[in-house]
Amino acid sequence: MPQNTPRLILASSSRYRRELLARLRLPFEAISPDVDETPRPGEAPEALALRLSVAKAMAVAATRPGRIVIGSDQVATMDGRPIGKPGDFARAQAQLRALSGQTVEFHSALAVTDGQRVEKADVVTRCRFRTLSAQAIDTYLRAEEPYDTAGSAKAESLGIALMESIQSDDPTAIIGLPLIALTRMLAGFGLDPLEAPGAGA
């Protein structure tokens, strides 16, 4: 491995995950994994998220030996049923009407591997949605256009205004990358952000 090659890889094309990982001030590169995300028959949403996070990490690790790779995936559920990405305005509108006043669980799954050993975690965030008027829903959707987001709620921006409360052990989990869990897992691979050379620089 060339001396200036980052030891760490984020197996994701998500801008939000890149921005979150950058908070740890560890050099990294981002590579989009080629993984089939189709659920298996009868697969629970949280099991799907964990499986995909491992698959993404391992897919990239197979092409980058000697590197530490992070994979992540997130699913939203209500009463154990998956809530998908709406795709367009009408579906997002219907989705937010159904979520108004309800509690949604976001499972933010995480996997870290060196190509041999794999550590994984599922960090759960419980979001209680406000009782939303039709006007509030339309105003939000026209401002945010969150059609590629499960639950139609981008908590990292205006979507936070949809919430009555958020409960989690890891405040960045809702955005897609649980940094508290990730820091603990990276330390297990000898990559602690507070001990790494140049950390905080």
N, C-alpha and C. Protein backbone atom coordinates (compact mmCIF):
# COMPACT_ATOMS: atom_id res chain seq x y z
N MET A 1 0.84 -1.19 0.00
CA MET A 1 0.00 0.00 0.00
C MET A 1 0.88 1.25 0.00
N PRO A 2 0.69 2.18 -0.95
CA PRO A 2 1.48 3.41 -0.94
C PRO A 2 1.35 4.15 0.38
N GLN A 3 2.41 4.85 0.77
CA GLN A 3 2.46 5.47 2.08
C GLN A 3 1.34 6.48 2.31
N ASN A 4 0.90 7.18 1.26
CA ASN A 4 -0.11 8.22 1.42
C ASN A 4 -1.53 7.69 1.20
N THR A 5 -1.68 6.37 1.05
CA THR A 5 -3.01 5.79 0.87
C THR A 5 -3.72 5.69 2.21
N PRO A 6 -4.93 6.23 2.34
CA PRO A 6 -5.64 6.12 3.62
C PRO A 6 -5.88 4.66 3.99
N ARG A 7 -5.71 4.36 5.26
CA ARG A 7 -5.94 2.99 5.73
C ARG A 7 -7.42 2.67 5.79
N LEU A 8 -8.25 3.71 5.87
CA LEU A 8 -9.67 3.55 6.12
C LEU A 8 -10.48 3.82 4.85
N ILE A 9 -11.51 2.98 4.62
CA ILE A 9 -12.40 3.15 3.48
C ILE A 9 -13.84 3.14 3.97
N LEU A 10 -14.63 4.07 3.45
CA LEU A 10 -16.06 4.08 3.68
C LEU A 10 -16.74 3.48 2.45
N ALA A 11 -17.41 2.35 2.64
CA ALA A 11 -18.08 1.67 1.52
C ALA A 11 -19.45 2.30 1.31
N SER A 12 -19.46 3.48 0.74
CA SER A 12 -20.71 4.21 0.58
C SER A 12 -20.53 5.34 -0.43
N SER A 13 -21.62 5.68 -1.12
CA SER A 13 -21.62 6.85 -1.99
C SER A 13 -22.40 8.00 -1.36
N SER A 14 -22.84 7.83 -0.09
CA SER A 14 -23.67 8.82 0.58
C SER A 14 -22.86 10.03 1.02
N ARG A 15 -23.31 11.21 0.60
CA ARG A 15 -22.64 12.45 1.02
C ARG A 15 -22.76 12.63 2.53
N TYR A 16 -23.91 12.26 3.09
CA TYR A 16 -24.13 12.45 4.52
C TYR A 16 -23.19 11.56 5.34
N ARG A 17 -22.99 10.32 4.90
CA ARG A 17 -22.07 9.45 5.63
C ARG A 17 -20.63 9.94 5.52
N ARG A 18 -20.26 10.48 4.35
CA ARG A 18 -18.91 11.03 4.21
C ARG A 18 -18.70 12.21 5.16
N GLU A 19 -19.70 13.08 5.23
CA GLU A 19 -19.59 14.24 6.12
C GLU A 19 -19.51 13.82 7.58
N LEU A 20 -20.27 12.80 7.96
CA LEU A 20 -20.22 12.32 9.34
C LEU A 20 -18.86 11.70 9.66
N LEU A 21 -18.36 10.84 8.79
CA LEU A 21 -17.07 10.19 9.04
C LEU A 21 -15.95 11.22 9.13
N ALA A 22 -16.05 12.29 8.36
CA ALA A 22 -15.02 13.33 8.38
C ALA A 22 -14.89 13.97 9.76
N ARG A 23 -15.95 13.91 10.58
CA ARG A 23 -15.88 14.47 11.93
C ARG A 23 -14.80 13.79 12.77
N LEU A 24 -14.49 12.53 12.47
CA LEU A 24 -13.49 11.80 13.27
C LEU A 24 -12.07 12.17 12.89
N ARG A 25 -11.90 12.94 11.83
CA ARG A 25 -10.59 13.46 11.40
C ARG A 25 -9.59 12.35 11.12
N LEU A 26 -10.09 11.25 10.60
CA LEU A 26 -9.22 10.16 10.13
C LEU A 26 -9.19 10.21 8.60
N PRO A 27 -8.02 10.11 7.99
CA PRO A 27 -7.97 10.08 6.53
C PRO A 27 -8.75 8.87 6.01
N PHE A 28 -9.57 9.07 4.98
CA PHE A 28 -10.31 7.94 4.41
C PHE A 28 -10.65 8.25 2.96
N GLU A 29 -11.01 7.20 2.25
CA GLU A 29 -11.58 7.37 0.92
C GLU A 29 -12.92 6.66 0.89
N ALA A 30 -13.80 7.11 0.01
CA ALA A 30 -15.12 6.52 -0.12
C ALA A 30 -15.22 5.77 -1.44
N ILE A 31 -15.69 4.53 -1.38
CA ILE A 31 -15.87 3.70 -2.56
C ILE A 31 -17.29 3.14 -2.53
N SER A 32 -18.02 3.30 -3.61
CA SER A 32 -19.39 2.79 -3.67
C SER A 32 -19.37 1.28 -3.88
N PRO A 33 -20.01 0.51 -2.99
CA PRO A 33 -20.00 -0.94 -3.14
C PRO A 33 -21.03 -1.41 -4.16
N ASP A 34 -20.76 -2.52 -4.81
CA ASP A 34 -21.70 -3.11 -5.76
C ASP A 34 -22.38 -4.29 -5.07
N VAL A 35 -23.54 -4.01 -4.46
CA VAL A 35 -24.23 -5.01 -3.65
C VAL A 35 -25.71 -5.04 -4.01
N ASP A 36 -26.25 -6.24 -4.18
CA ASP A 36 -27.69 -6.41 -4.41
C ASP A 36 -28.42 -6.19 -3.09
N GLU A 37 -29.30 -5.18 -3.05
CA GLU A 37 -29.97 -4.84 -1.80
C GLU A 37 -31.38 -5.44 -1.68
N THR A 38 -31.69 -6.42 -2.52
CA THR A 38 -33.01 -7.05 -2.48
C THR A 38 -33.19 -7.83 -1.18
N PRO A 39 -34.27 -7.59 -0.45
CA PRO A 39 -34.52 -8.37 0.78
C PRO A 39 -34.76 -9.84 0.45
N ARG A 40 -34.36 -10.71 1.38
CA ARG A 40 -34.64 -12.13 1.25
C ARG A 40 -36.06 -12.41 1.74
N PRO A 41 -36.68 -13.47 1.25
CA PRO A 41 -38.05 -13.78 1.69
C PRO A 41 -38.14 -13.92 3.22
N GLY A 42 -39.05 -13.16 3.82
CA GLY A 42 -39.25 -13.24 5.26
C GLY A 42 -38.19 -12.56 6.10
N GLU A 43 -37.26 -11.86 5.46
CA GLU A 43 -36.16 -11.23 6.20
C GLU A 43 -36.65 -10.01 6.97
N ALA A 44 -36.38 -9.96 8.26
CA ALA A 44 -36.77 -8.81 9.08
C ALA A 44 -35.98 -7.58 8.64
N PRO A 45 -36.59 -6.39 8.71
CA PRO A 45 -35.90 -5.18 8.25
C PRO A 45 -34.54 -4.96 8.94
N GLU A 46 -34.49 -5.18 10.26
CA GLU A 46 -33.22 -4.97 10.96
C GLU A 46 -32.16 -6.00 10.55
N ALA A 47 -32.59 -7.23 10.25
CA ALA A 47 -31.66 -8.25 9.76
C ALA A 47 -31.14 -7.89 8.38
N LEU A 48 -32.03 -7.32 7.55
CA LEU A 48 -31.62 -6.85 6.22
C LEU A 48 -30.55 -5.77 6.34
N ALA A 49 -30.76 -4.81 7.21
CA ALA A 49 -29.79 -3.71 7.36
C ALA A 49 -28.43 -4.24 7.81
N LEU A 50 -28.42 -5.17 8.76
CA LEU A 50 -27.15 -5.74 9.22
C LEU A 50 -26.47 -6.53 8.11
N ARG A 51 -27.25 -7.34 7.40
CA ARG A 51 -26.66 -8.15 6.32
C ARG A 51 -26.06 -7.26 5.24
N LEU A 52 -26.78 -6.20 4.87
CA LEU A 52 -26.27 -5.32 3.81
C LEU A 52 -25.05 -4.53 4.25
N SER A 53 -25.02 -4.12 5.52
CA SER A 53 -23.84 -3.38 5.99
C SER A 53 -22.60 -4.27 5.92
N VAL A 54 -22.75 -5.54 6.29
CA VAL A 54 -21.62 -6.49 6.19
C VAL A 54 -21.26 -6.74 4.73
N ALA A 55 -22.27 -6.93 3.89
CA ALA A 55 -22.01 -7.21 2.47
C ALA A 55 -21.28 -6.05 1.80
N LYS A 56 -21.69 -4.83 2.11
CA LYS A 56 -21.04 -3.66 1.53
C LYS A 56 -19.57 -3.58 1.96
N ALA A 57 -19.34 -3.77 3.25
CA ALA A 57 -17.96 -3.71 3.76
C ALA A 57 -17.10 -4.81 3.15
N MET A 58 -17.63 -6.03 3.08
CA MET A 58 -16.84 -7.15 2.56
C MET A 58 -16.60 -7.03 1.05
N ALA A 59 -17.58 -6.47 0.31
CA ALA A 59 -17.42 -6.31 -1.13
C ALA A 59 -16.24 -5.39 -1.45
N VAL A 60 -16.12 -4.30 -0.69
CA VAL A 60 -15.02 -3.37 -0.92
C VAL A 60 -13.71 -3.94 -0.37
N ALA A 61 -13.77 -4.59 0.81
CA ALA A 61 -12.56 -5.16 1.41
C ALA A 61 -11.92 -6.21 0.49
N ALA A 62 -12.74 -6.92 -0.28
CA ALA A 62 -12.21 -7.95 -1.18
C ALA A 62 -11.32 -7.36 -2.27
N THR A 63 -11.55 -6.08 -2.58
CA THR A 63 -10.75 -5.42 -3.63
C THR A 63 -9.65 -4.54 -3.06
N ARG A 64 -9.63 -4.38 -1.73
CA ARG A 64 -8.64 -3.51 -1.09
C ARG A 64 -8.03 -4.22 0.12
N PRO A 65 -7.18 -5.24 -0.12
CA PRO A 65 -6.59 -5.98 1.00
C PRO A 65 -5.73 -5.08 1.88
N GLY A 66 -5.78 -5.36 3.18
CA GLY A 66 -4.97 -4.60 4.13
C GLY A 66 -5.61 -3.32 4.60
N ARG A 67 -6.81 -3.03 4.13
CA ARG A 67 -7.48 -1.80 4.54
C ARG A 67 -8.60 -2.12 5.53
N ILE A 68 -9.04 -1.12 6.27
CA ILE A 68 -10.18 -1.25 7.17
C ILE A 68 -11.38 -0.59 6.48
N VAL A 69 -12.47 -1.33 6.37
CA VAL A 69 -13.61 -0.88 5.57
C VAL A 69 -14.87 -0.79 6.45
N ILE A 70 -15.59 0.31 6.26
CA ILE A 70 -16.84 0.55 6.99
C ILE A 70 -18.00 0.37 6.03
N GLY A 71 -18.97 -0.45 6.43
CA GLY A 71 -20.21 -0.58 5.68
C GLY A 71 -21.37 -0.16 6.56
N SER A 72 -22.40 0.44 5.96
CA SER A 72 -23.54 0.89 6.76
C SER A 72 -24.81 0.81 5.92
N ASP A 73 -25.92 0.55 6.60
CA ASP A 73 -27.21 0.53 5.93
C ASP A 73 -28.27 0.93 6.95
N GLN A 74 -29.35 1.52 6.48
CA GLN A 74 -30.40 1.96 7.40
C GLN A 74 -31.77 1.57 6.87
N VAL A 75 -32.61 1.06 7.76
CA VAL A 75 -34.01 0.81 7.42
C VAL A 75 -34.88 1.45 8.48
N ALA A 76 -36.08 1.84 8.06
CA ALA A 76 -37.06 2.40 8.98
C ALA A 76 -38.23 1.43 9.11
N THR A 77 -38.76 1.31 10.33
CA THR A 77 -39.88 0.40 10.55
C THR A 77 -40.93 1.07 11.44
N MET A 78 -42.17 0.68 11.24
CA MET A 78 -43.25 1.07 12.14
C MET A 78 -44.05 -0.19 12.46
N ASP A 79 -44.15 -0.52 13.74
CA ASP A 79 -44.81 -1.75 14.17
C ASP A 79 -44.20 -2.97 13.49
N GLY A 80 -42.87 -2.92 13.30
CA GLY A 80 -42.16 -4.05 12.72
C GLY A 80 -42.22 -4.14 11.21
N ARG A 81 -42.95 -3.25 10.56
CA ARG A 81 -43.07 -3.27 9.10
C ARG A 81 -42.11 -2.25 8.48
N PRO A 82 -41.46 -2.63 7.38
CA PRO A 82 -40.49 -1.70 6.77
C PRO A 82 -41.18 -0.50 6.14
N ILE A 83 -40.50 0.64 6.22
CA ILE A 83 -40.95 1.86 5.57
C ILE A 83 -39.89 2.21 4.53
N GLY A 84 -40.28 2.20 3.28
CA GLY A 84 -39.31 2.39 2.22
C GLY A 84 -39.09 3.85 1.85
N LYS A 85 -38.32 4.04 0.79
CA LYS A 85 -38.10 5.37 0.23
C LYS A 85 -39.28 5.69 -0.69
N PRO A 86 -39.88 6.86 -0.56
CA PRO A 86 -41.12 7.12 -1.31
C PRO A 86 -40.94 7.23 -2.82
N GLY A 87 -39.88 7.87 -3.25
CA GLY A 87 -39.63 7.96 -4.69
C GLY A 87 -40.24 9.17 -5.37
N ASP A 88 -41.38 9.65 -4.88
CA ASP A 88 -41.99 10.82 -5.51
C ASP A 88 -42.87 11.56 -4.49
N PHE A 89 -43.41 12.69 -4.92
CA PHE A 89 -44.17 13.56 -4.02
C PHE A 89 -45.41 12.86 -3.46
N ALA A 90 -46.20 12.23 -4.33
CA ALA A 90 -47.46 11.64 -3.89
C ALA A 90 -47.24 10.54 -2.85
N ARG A 91 -46.23 9.71 -3.08
CA ARG A 91 -45.95 8.63 -2.11
C ARG A 91 -45.41 9.21 -0.80
N ALA A 92 -44.58 10.22 -0.90
CA ALA A 92 -44.06 10.85 0.31
C ALA A 92 -45.18 11.50 1.11
N GLN A 93 -46.10 12.11 0.43
CA GLN A 93 -47.25 12.74 1.07
C GLN A 93 -48.07 11.69 1.84
N ALA A 94 -48.35 10.57 1.18
CA ALA A 94 -49.10 9.49 1.82
C ALA A 94 -48.32 8.89 2.99
N GLN A 95 -47.01 8.79 2.82
CA GLN A 95 -46.16 8.23 3.87
C GLN A 95 -46.19 9.10 5.13
N LEU A 96 -46.04 10.39 4.96
CA LEU A 96 -46.03 11.28 6.12
C LEU A 96 -47.41 11.39 6.77
N ARG A 97 -48.47 11.26 5.99
CA ARG A 97 -49.80 11.22 6.60
C ARG A 97 -49.92 9.99 7.51
N ALA A 98 -49.38 8.86 7.05
CA ALA A 98 -49.45 7.63 7.84
C ALA A 98 -48.56 7.71 9.08
N LEU A 99 -47.45 8.44 8.99
CA LEU A 99 -46.50 8.52 10.11
C LEU A 99 -46.87 9.61 11.12
N SER A 100 -47.77 10.49 10.76
CA SER A 100 -48.18 11.59 11.65
C SER A 100 -48.64 11.04 13.00
N GLY A 101 -48.00 11.51 14.07
CA GLY A 101 -48.36 11.10 15.42
C GLY A 101 -47.88 9.71 15.81
N GLN A 102 -47.10 9.07 14.95
CA GLN A 102 -46.66 7.69 15.19
C GLN A 102 -45.17 7.65 15.58
N THR A 103 -44.75 6.49 16.10
CA THR A 103 -43.34 6.27 16.43
C THR A 103 -42.71 5.36 15.38
N VAL A 104 -41.59 5.78 14.86
CA VAL A 104 -40.86 5.03 13.84
C VAL A 104 -39.50 4.64 14.41
N GLU A 105 -39.09 3.41 14.16
CA GLU A 105 -37.76 2.96 14.56
C GLU A 105 -36.85 2.96 13.33
N PHE A 106 -35.72 3.62 13.46
CA PHE A 106 -34.70 3.60 12.42
C PHE A 106 -33.57 2.69 12.89
N HIS A 107 -33.29 1.65 12.12
CA HIS A 107 -32.19 0.74 12.42
C HIS A 107 -30.99 1.15 11.57
N SER A 108 -29.97 1.66 12.22
CA SER A 108 -28.75 2.08 11.53
C SER A 108 -27.69 1.02 11.78
N ALA A 109 -27.52 0.14 10.80
CA ALA A 109 -26.59 -0.98 10.95
C ALA A 109 -25.19 -0.56 10.49
N LEU A 110 -24.21 -1.16 11.12
CA LEU A 110 -22.82 -0.77 10.92
C LEU A 110 -21.96 -2.02 10.91
N ALA A 111 -21.00 -2.07 10.00
CA ALA A 111 -20.03 -3.17 9.97
C ALA A 111 -18.65 -2.61 9.69
N VAL A 112 -17.66 -3.15 10.38
CA VAL A 112 -16.26 -2.77 10.16
C VAL A 112 -15.47 -4.06 9.96
N THR A 113 -14.65 -4.11 8.92
CA THR A 113 -13.87 -5.31 8.64
C THR A 113 -12.48 -4.96 8.14
N ASP A 114 -11.56 -5.87 8.37
CA ASP A 114 -10.23 -5.78 7.76
C ASP A 114 -10.08 -6.86 6.68
N GLY A 115 -11.21 -7.43 6.29
CA GLY A 115 -11.20 -8.49 5.29
C GLY A 115 -11.20 -9.88 5.90
N GLN A 116 -10.89 -9.94 7.20
CA GLN A 116 -10.88 -11.21 7.92
C GLN A 116 -11.93 -11.19 9.03
N ARG A 117 -11.73 -10.32 9.98
CA ARG A 117 -12.65 -10.19 11.10
C ARG A 117 -13.70 -9.14 10.78
N VAL A 118 -14.93 -9.36 11.24
CA VAL A 118 -16.01 -8.41 11.03
C VAL A 118 -16.66 -8.09 12.37
N GLU A 119 -16.80 -6.79 12.65
CA GLU A 119 -17.56 -6.35 13.82
C GLU A 119 -18.82 -5.64 13.28
N LYS A 120 -19.95 -5.89 13.95
CA LYS A 120 -21.18 -5.27 13.46
C LYS A 120 -22.07 -4.83 14.62
N ALA A 121 -22.96 -3.90 14.33
CA ALA A 121 -23.86 -3.36 15.35
C ALA A 121 -25.12 -2.83 14.68
N ASP A 122 -26.21 -2.85 15.44
CA ASP A 122 -27.47 -2.25 14.99
C ASP A 122 -27.85 -1.20 16.03
N VAL A 123 -27.80 0.06 15.64
CA VAL A 123 -28.13 1.16 16.55
C VAL A 123 -29.54 1.64 16.23
N VAL A 124 -30.42 1.59 17.23
CA VAL A 124 -31.83 1.91 17.03
C VAL A 124 -32.13 3.33 17.49
N THR A 125 -32.83 4.08 16.64
CA THR A 125 -33.31 5.41 16.99
C THR A 125 -34.83 5.41 16.89
N ARG A 126 -35.49 5.85 17.96
CA ARG A 126 -36.96 5.91 17.97
C ARG A 126 -37.40 7.35 17.79
N CYS A 127 -38.12 7.59 16.71
CA CYS A 127 -38.57 8.93 16.38
C CYS A 127 -40.08 9.02 16.51
N ARG A 128 -40.54 9.94 17.33
CA ARG A 128 -41.97 10.20 17.45
C ARG A 128 -42.29 11.39 16.57
N PHE A 129 -43.15 11.16 15.55
CA PHE A 129 -43.52 12.24 14.64
C PHE A 129 -44.60 13.12 15.27
N ARG A 130 -44.52 14.41 15.03
CA ARG A 130 -45.59 15.33 15.41
C ARG A 130 -46.87 14.97 14.68
N THR A 131 -47.99 15.44 15.20
CA THR A 131 -49.23 15.38 14.44
C THR A 131 -49.14 16.45 13.36
N LEU A 132 -49.13 16.01 12.11
CA LEU A 132 -48.80 16.88 10.99
C LEU A 132 -50.04 17.25 10.19
N SER A 133 -50.22 18.53 9.93
CA SER A 133 -51.33 18.98 9.08
C SER A 133 -50.94 18.73 7.62
N ALA A 134 -51.96 18.73 6.75
CA ALA A 134 -51.71 18.57 5.31
C ALA A 134 -50.81 19.69 4.79
N GLN A 135 -51.01 20.90 5.31
CA GLN A 135 -50.19 22.03 4.87
C GLN A 135 -48.74 21.86 5.30
N ALA A 136 -48.54 21.40 6.55
CA ALA A 136 -47.17 21.19 7.05
C ALA A 136 -46.45 20.15 6.21
N ILE A 137 -47.16 19.08 5.87
CA ILE A 137 -46.55 18.02 5.05
C ILE A 137 -46.16 18.57 3.68
N ASP A 138 -47.07 19.29 3.04
CA ASP A 138 -46.78 19.82 1.70
C ASP A 138 -45.64 20.84 1.74
N THR A 139 -45.65 21.70 2.76
CA THR A 139 -44.58 22.70 2.89
C THR A 139 -43.22 22.01 3.02
N TYR A 140 -43.18 21.00 3.87
CA TYR A 140 -41.92 20.27 4.07
C TYR A 140 -41.46 19.57 2.79
N LEU A 141 -42.36 18.87 2.14
CA LEU A 141 -41.98 18.11 0.95
C LEU A 141 -41.51 19.02 -0.18
N ARG A 142 -42.14 20.17 -0.35
CA ARG A 142 -41.73 21.07 -1.43
C ARG A 142 -40.38 21.73 -1.12
N ALA A 143 -40.10 21.91 0.16
CA ALA A 143 -38.82 22.51 0.54
C ALA A 143 -37.68 21.49 0.48
N GLU A 144 -37.95 20.25 0.89
CA GLU A 144 -36.88 19.26 1.08
C GLU A 144 -36.76 18.24 -0.04
N GLU A 145 -37.90 17.84 -0.64
CA GLU A 145 -37.92 16.80 -1.66
C GLU A 145 -37.15 15.55 -1.20
N PRO A 146 -37.59 14.95 -0.09
CA PRO A 146 -36.84 13.83 0.51
C PRO A 146 -37.24 12.47 -0.06
N TYR A 147 -37.31 12.38 -1.37
CA TYR A 147 -37.90 11.19 -1.99
C TYR A 147 -36.97 9.98 -1.99
N ASP A 148 -35.68 10.20 -1.67
CA ASP A 148 -34.73 9.09 -1.60
C ASP A 148 -34.42 8.70 -0.16
N THR A 149 -35.30 9.09 0.75
CA THR A 149 -35.06 8.88 2.18
C THR A 149 -36.19 8.05 2.79
N ALA A 150 -35.83 6.97 3.48
CA ALA A 150 -36.84 6.15 4.15
C ALA A 150 -37.61 6.98 5.16
N GLY A 151 -38.93 6.91 5.08
CA GLY A 151 -39.75 7.69 6.00
C GLY A 151 -39.95 9.13 5.58
N SER A 152 -39.36 9.53 4.46
CA SER A 152 -39.51 10.90 3.92
C SER A 152 -39.06 11.97 4.90
N ALA A 153 -38.14 11.64 5.81
CA ALA A 153 -37.75 12.60 6.85
C ALA A 153 -36.23 12.71 6.92
N LYS A 154 -35.70 13.84 6.49
CA LYS A 154 -34.26 14.08 6.57
C LYS A 154 -33.97 14.83 7.87
N ALA A 155 -33.65 14.06 8.90
CA ALA A 155 -33.45 14.66 10.22
C ALA A 155 -32.22 15.56 10.28
N GLU A 156 -31.32 15.43 9.30
CA GLU A 156 -30.12 16.27 9.30
C GLU A 156 -30.43 17.68 8.80
N SER A 157 -31.66 17.90 8.32
CA SER A 157 -32.03 19.24 7.87
C SER A 157 -33.45 19.56 8.31
N LEU A 158 -34.32 20.02 7.42
CA LEU A 158 -35.64 20.48 7.83
C LEU A 158 -36.50 19.36 8.40
N GLY A 159 -36.19 18.12 8.09
CA GLY A 159 -36.95 16.99 8.61
C GLY A 159 -37.00 16.92 10.12
N ILE A 160 -36.06 17.57 10.79
CA ILE A 160 -36.07 17.59 12.26
C ILE A 160 -37.34 18.26 12.77
N ALA A 161 -37.93 19.15 11.98
CA ALA A 161 -39.14 19.86 12.39
C ALA A 161 -40.38 18.96 12.36
N LEU A 162 -40.25 17.77 11.75
CA LEU A 162 -41.35 16.81 11.75
C LEU A 162 -41.45 16.06 13.07
N MET A 163 -40.40 16.14 13.87
CA MET A 163 -40.28 15.28 15.05
C MET A 163 -40.81 15.92 16.32
N GLU A 164 -41.44 15.09 17.13
CA GLU A 164 -41.82 15.47 18.48
C GLU A 164 -40.71 15.09 19.45
N SER A 165 -40.08 13.94 19.21
CA SER A 165 -38.96 13.52 20.05
C SER A 165 -38.12 12.50 19.30
N ILE A 166 -36.85 12.42 19.68
CA ILE A 166 -35.93 11.41 19.12
C ILE A 166 -35.18 10.79 20.29
N GLN A 167 -35.18 9.46 20.34
CA GLN A 167 -34.49 8.73 21.41
C GLN A 167 -33.45 7.80 20.81
N SER A 168 -32.20 7.96 21.21
CA SER A 168 -31.12 7.11 20.71
C SER A 168 -29.91 7.24 21.61
N ASP A 169 -29.10 6.18 21.65
CA ASP A 169 -27.82 6.25 22.37
C ASP A 169 -26.74 6.90 21.52
N ASP A 170 -27.05 7.20 20.25
CA ASP A 170 -26.03 7.66 19.32
C ASP A 170 -26.66 8.72 18.41
N PRO A 171 -26.47 10.00 18.67
CA PRO A 171 -27.22 11.04 17.97
C PRO A 171 -26.99 11.13 16.47
N THR A 172 -25.88 10.58 15.97
CA THR A 172 -25.67 10.63 14.52
C THR A 172 -26.25 9.42 13.80
N ALA A 173 -26.78 8.46 14.55
CA ALA A 173 -27.32 7.25 13.92
C ALA A 173 -28.46 7.57 12.97
N ILE A 174 -29.31 8.51 13.36
CA ILE A 174 -30.48 8.84 12.54
C ILE A 174 -30.07 9.38 11.17
N ILE A 175 -28.90 9.98 11.07
CA ILE A 175 -28.43 10.51 9.79
C ILE A 175 -27.80 9.41 8.93
N GLY A 176 -27.45 8.28 9.56
CA GLY A 176 -26.99 7.14 8.76
C GLY A 176 -25.66 6.53 9.14
N LEU A 177 -24.92 7.16 10.08
CA LEU A 177 -23.64 6.58 10.49
C LEU A 177 -23.45 6.82 11.99
N PRO A 178 -23.66 5.81 12.83
CA PRO A 178 -23.56 5.98 14.28
C PRO A 178 -22.10 6.14 14.72
N LEU A 179 -21.68 7.36 14.98
CA LEU A 179 -20.26 7.62 15.23
C LEU A 179 -19.77 7.11 16.58
N ILE A 180 -20.64 7.05 17.58
CA ILE A 180 -20.20 6.51 18.88
C ILE A 180 -19.86 5.04 18.73
N ALA A 181 -20.77 4.27 18.13
CA ALA A 181 -20.51 2.85 17.90
C ALA A 181 -19.32 2.66 16.96
N LEU A 182 -19.22 3.50 15.94
CA LEU A 182 -18.13 3.37 14.97
C LEU A 182 -16.78 3.62 15.63
N THR A 183 -16.70 4.64 16.48
CA THR A 183 -15.43 4.94 17.15
C THR A 183 -14.98 3.74 17.99
N ARG A 184 -15.92 3.14 18.70
CA ARG A 184 -15.60 1.96 19.52
C ARG A 184 -15.11 0.80 18.64
N MET A 185 -15.77 0.59 17.52
CA MET A 185 -15.40 -0.51 16.64
C MET A 185 -14.05 -0.27 15.96
N LEU A 186 -13.82 0.97 15.51
CA LEU A 186 -12.53 1.27 14.89
C LEU A 186 -11.37 1.09 15.87
N ALA A 187 -11.59 1.45 17.13
CA ALA A 187 -10.54 1.27 18.15
C ALA A 187 -10.17 -0.20 18.27
N GLY A 188 -11.14 -1.08 18.08
CA GLY A 188 -10.87 -2.51 18.13
C GLY A 188 -9.99 -2.99 16.98
N PHE A 189 -9.90 -2.18 15.93
CA PHE A 189 -9.02 -2.49 14.80
C PHE A 189 -7.74 -1.64 14.85
N GLY A 190 -7.50 -1.01 16.00
CA GLY A 190 -6.29 -0.22 16.17
C GLY A 190 -6.34 1.14 15.52
N LEU A 191 -7.55 1.68 15.34
CA LEU A 191 -7.69 2.96 14.67
C LEU A 191 -8.57 3.89 15.50
N ASP A 192 -8.08 4.24 16.67
CA ASP A 192 -8.81 5.14 17.57
C ASP A 192 -8.58 6.58 17.11
N PRO A 193 -9.66 7.34 16.83
CA PRO A 193 -9.48 8.72 16.36
C PRO A 193 -8.69 9.61 17.31
N LEU A 194 -8.70 9.30 18.61
CA LEU A 194 -7.97 10.13 19.57
C LEU A 194 -6.54 9.66 19.79
N GLU A 195 -6.17 8.55 19.18
CA GLU A 195 -4.81 8.06 19.33
C GLU A 195 -4.06 7.95 18.01
N ALA A 196 -4.79 8.11 16.90
CA ALA A 196 -4.17 7.99 15.59
C ALA A 196 -3.19 9.14 15.35
N PRO A 197 -2.08 8.89 14.63
CA PRO A 197 -1.14 9.97 14.30
C PRO A 197 -1.86 11.09 13.55
N GLY A 198 -1.69 12.30 14.02
CA GLY A 198 -2.29 13.45 13.35
C GLY A 198 -3.72 13.70 13.74
N ALA A 199 -4.26 12.90 14.68
CA ALA A 199 -5.66 13.10 15.09
C ALA A 199 -5.83 14.49 15.67
N GLY A 200 -6.89 15.16 15.22
CA GLY A 200 -7.19 16.50 15.72
C GLY A 200 -6.46 17.58 14.96
N ALA A 201 -5.61 17.20 14.02
CA ALA A 201 -4.86 18.21 13.27
C ALA A 201 -5.74 18.89 12.26
